[in-house]
Protein backbone atom coordinates (compact mmCIF):
# COMPACT_ATOMS: atom_id res chain seq x y z
CA MET A 1 0.21 0.13 -0.08
CA THR A 2 1.17 3.46 -0.67
CA ARG A 3 1.45 6.04 2.33
CA GLU A 4 0.15 9.16 1.41
CA ALA A 5 3.39 11.06 1.75
CA ASP A 6 4.52 9.24 -0.94
CA ARG A 7 1.80 10.30 -3.78
CA PRO A 8 1.70 13.83 -5.34
CA PRO A 9 -1.58 15.61 -4.22
CA THR A 10 -3.59 15.26 -7.51
CA VAL A 11 -7.34 16.36 -6.29
CA ARG A 12 -7.37 20.00 -4.55
CA GLN A 13 -10.90 20.12 -3.51
CA LEU A 14 -13.99 17.76 -2.81
CA ARG A 15 -17.32 19.43 -4.13
CA LEU A 16 -20.50 17.25 -2.87
CA VAL A 17 -23.10 18.76 -5.83
CA VAL A 18 -26.93 18.22 -4.35
CA GLU A 19 -30.36 19.07 -6.00
CA ALA A 20 -32.26 21.13 -4.33
CA ASP A 21 -35.90 21.34 -5.02
CA ASP A 22 -36.73 23.90 -2.26
CA TYR A 23 -33.56 25.66 -2.38
CA GLU A 24 -34.45 28.90 -0.88
CA ALA A 25 -35.07 26.50 2.55
CA ALA A 26 -31.57 24.81 1.68
CA VAL A 27 -29.66 27.53 1.14
CA ALA A 28 -31.00 29.28 4.47
CA PHE A 29 -30.17 25.78 6.08
CA PHE A 30 -27.03 24.95 5.19
CA ARG A 31 -25.43 28.61 4.76
CA ASP A 32 -27.66 30.56 7.65
CA ALA A 33 -28.49 28.01 10.22
CA LEU A 34 -25.48 25.70 9.87
CA GLY A 35 -23.22 28.37 9.07
CA LEU A 36 -21.18 27.20 5.99
CA PRO A 37 -19.76 30.66 4.41
CA GLU A 38 -20.95 31.89 0.90
CA GLN A 39 -17.92 31.25 -1.42
CA GLU A 40 -19.64 31.74 -4.92
CA ALA A 41 -23.16 32.00 -6.23
CA TYR A 42 -24.35 31.82 -9.83
CA ALA A 43 -27.70 32.57 -11.54
CA GLY A 44 -28.35 31.80 -15.01
CA GLU A 45 -31.08 31.46 -17.94
CA GLY A 46 -34.52 29.72 -17.34
CA GLY A 47 -34.15 30.52 -13.40
CA ALA A 48 -30.59 28.31 -12.53
CA ARG A 49 -29.38 29.15 -9.54
CA VAL A 50 -26.38 27.34 -7.27
CA VAL A 51 -24.32 28.45 -4.47
CA ILE A 52 -20.86 27.21 -3.39
CA LEU A 53 -20.81 26.95 0.44
CA ASP A 54 -17.37 26.75 1.89
CA ALA A 55 -17.18 23.61 4.41
CA GLY A 56 -14.06 24.12 5.30
CA ARG A 57 -11.68 20.74 5.09
CA ALA A 58 -13.36 17.99 3.09
CA THR A 59 -12.67 13.84 3.63
CA LEU A 60 -14.03 10.88 1.90
CA GLU A 61 -14.90 8.64 4.39
CA LEU A 62 -15.61 5.36 2.53
CA ALA A 63 -17.10 2.26 4.91
CA ASN A 64 -17.98 -1.24 4.01
CA PRO A 65 -21.73 -2.27 4.81
CA ALA A 66 -20.61 -4.01 8.17
CA GLN A 67 -19.24 0.04 9.55
CA LYS A 68 -21.94 1.42 8.05
CA ARG A 69 -24.64 -0.80 10.00
CA MET A 70 -22.44 -0.64 13.08
CA ILE A 71 -22.36 3.20 12.96
CA ASP A 72 -25.59 3.35 12.47
CA GLU A 73 -26.85 1.60 15.74
CA VAL A 74 -24.04 3.72 17.97
CA GLU A 75 -25.43 6.79 16.89
CA VAL A 76 -29.07 5.97 16.41
CA GLY A 77 -29.72 2.39 17.44
CA ARG A 78 -31.28 1.45 14.49
CA GLN A 79 -30.55 1.64 10.36
CA VAL A 80 -31.34 4.69 9.09
CA ALA A 81 -29.01 6.24 6.92
CA PRO A 82 -29.21 5.80 3.15
CA ARG A 83 -25.94 4.96 1.08
CA LEU A 84 -24.78 8.95 1.81
CA ARG A 85 -24.70 10.51 4.57
CA VAL A 86 -23.16 14.18 4.91
CA ALA A 87 -20.77 14.63 7.94
CA PHE A 88 -19.62 17.90 9.55
CA GLU A 89 -17.23 18.90 12.23
CA VAL A 90 -18.65 21.75 14.41
CA ASP A 91 -17.37 22.75 17.56
CA ASP A 92 -20.54 22.00 19.98
CA SER A 93 -22.66 18.88 18.94
CA ARG A 94 -25.57 20.09 20.98
CA ALA A 95 -25.89 23.47 20.46
CA THR A 96 -25.73 22.95 16.95
CA THR A 97 -28.36 20.25 16.87
CA ASP A 98 -30.75 22.71 18.34
CA ARG A 99 -30.28 25.45 16.11
CA LEU A 100 -30.47 22.82 13.25
CA VAL A 101 -33.77 21.82 14.32
CA ALA A 102 -35.15 24.96 15.27
CA ALA A 103 -34.04 25.86 11.65
CA GLY A 104 -36.25 22.86 10.13
CA ALA A 105 -34.38 19.94 10.40
CA GLU A 106 -35.58 16.69 12.07
CA GLN A 107 -33.92 15.29 14.27
CA VAL A 108 -33.25 11.30 14.03
CA ALA A 109 -30.96 10.64 17.23
CA PRO A 110 -29.65 13.24 19.49
CA PRO A 111 -26.29 14.11 20.06
CA THR A 112 -24.65 10.51 21.85
CA VAL A 113 -21.30 9.68 22.18
CA THR A 114 -19.44 7.17 20.44
CA PRO A 115 -16.80 4.24 21.01
CA TRP A 116 -14.20 6.52 18.79
CA GLN A 117 -14.81 9.34 21.27
CA SER A 118 -16.96 11.89 19.18
CA LEU A 119 -20.63 13.39 20.07
CA ASN A 120 -22.54 12.76 17.13
CA ALA A 121 -25.91 13.75 16.46
CA ARG A 122 -27.99 12.79 13.36
CA LEU A 123 -30.58 14.79 11.25
CA ASP A 124 -32.63 14.79 8.45
CA ALA A 125 -32.26 18.09 6.30
CA PRO A 126 -33.13 19.76 3.68
CA ALA A 127 -32.21 18.92 -0.11
CA GLY A 128 -33.13 15.03 1.11
CA LEU A 129 -29.92 15.01 3.20
CA HIS A 130 -29.01 12.53 5.96
CA ILE A 131 -26.44 14.65 8.23
CA THR A 132 -24.55 14.08 11.25
CA VAL A 133 -23.01 16.80 12.97
CA PHE A 134 -20.43 15.92 15.34
CA GLN A 135 -17.68 17.34 18.17
CA GLU A 136 -14.07 15.62 18.78
CA LEU A 137 -14.20 14.65 22.34
CA ARG A 138 -10.44 13.24 21.66
CA THR A 139 -7.53 14.78 19.43
CA PRO A 140 -6.30 12.41 16.90
CA GLU A 141 -3.02 11.87 18.47
CA GLU A 142 -5.28 10.39 21.61
CA ARG A 143 -7.74 8.42 19.56
CA ALA A 144 -4.76 6.73 17.64
CA GLY A 145 -3.95 5.45 20.60
CA LEU A 146 -7.18 3.61 21.57
CA GLU A 147 -7.75 0.27 20.38
CA GLY A 148 -8.65 -0.53 16.89
CA PHE A 149 -7.81 3.01 15.58
CA GLY A 150 -4.81 3.58 13.28
CA VAL A 151 -4.63 3.55 9.48
CA ASP A 152 -5.05 0.23 7.51
CA ASP A 153 -1.00 -0.82 7.38
CA GLU A 154 -0.61 -0.23 10.74
CA ARG A 155 -3.26 -2.46 12.49
């Protein structure tokens, strides 16, 4: 397996593109309630509109079906997530969850401490997205010392 340090960076940005039937509600939720800063916005012919929101650092989390089921069990207590779930790291999961519910999200599960030491809440958000808001409770260094954590070629 090639280590990250051995590869040249080729991807500059991960952009998740979501079609939102209620565009105004989705913008109000993700930009105004969640607090993703507007980076760019464009309008085109026929009422076409798009806004690009800055979500900070992006990662792509790939999980096998067993891991997806385990995460649902830990965070919610049952299988709820569709194939795609969007997760946002926040400073305060409880306050963010309250703010997002007030802005129209449906709480699926309240903030829950996970075995990987984060405080995760699940919500159904505008634009048909199932989301997690999570707050890290330990540093990556602290978490790396826990059993079952590390990179694949170190376990």
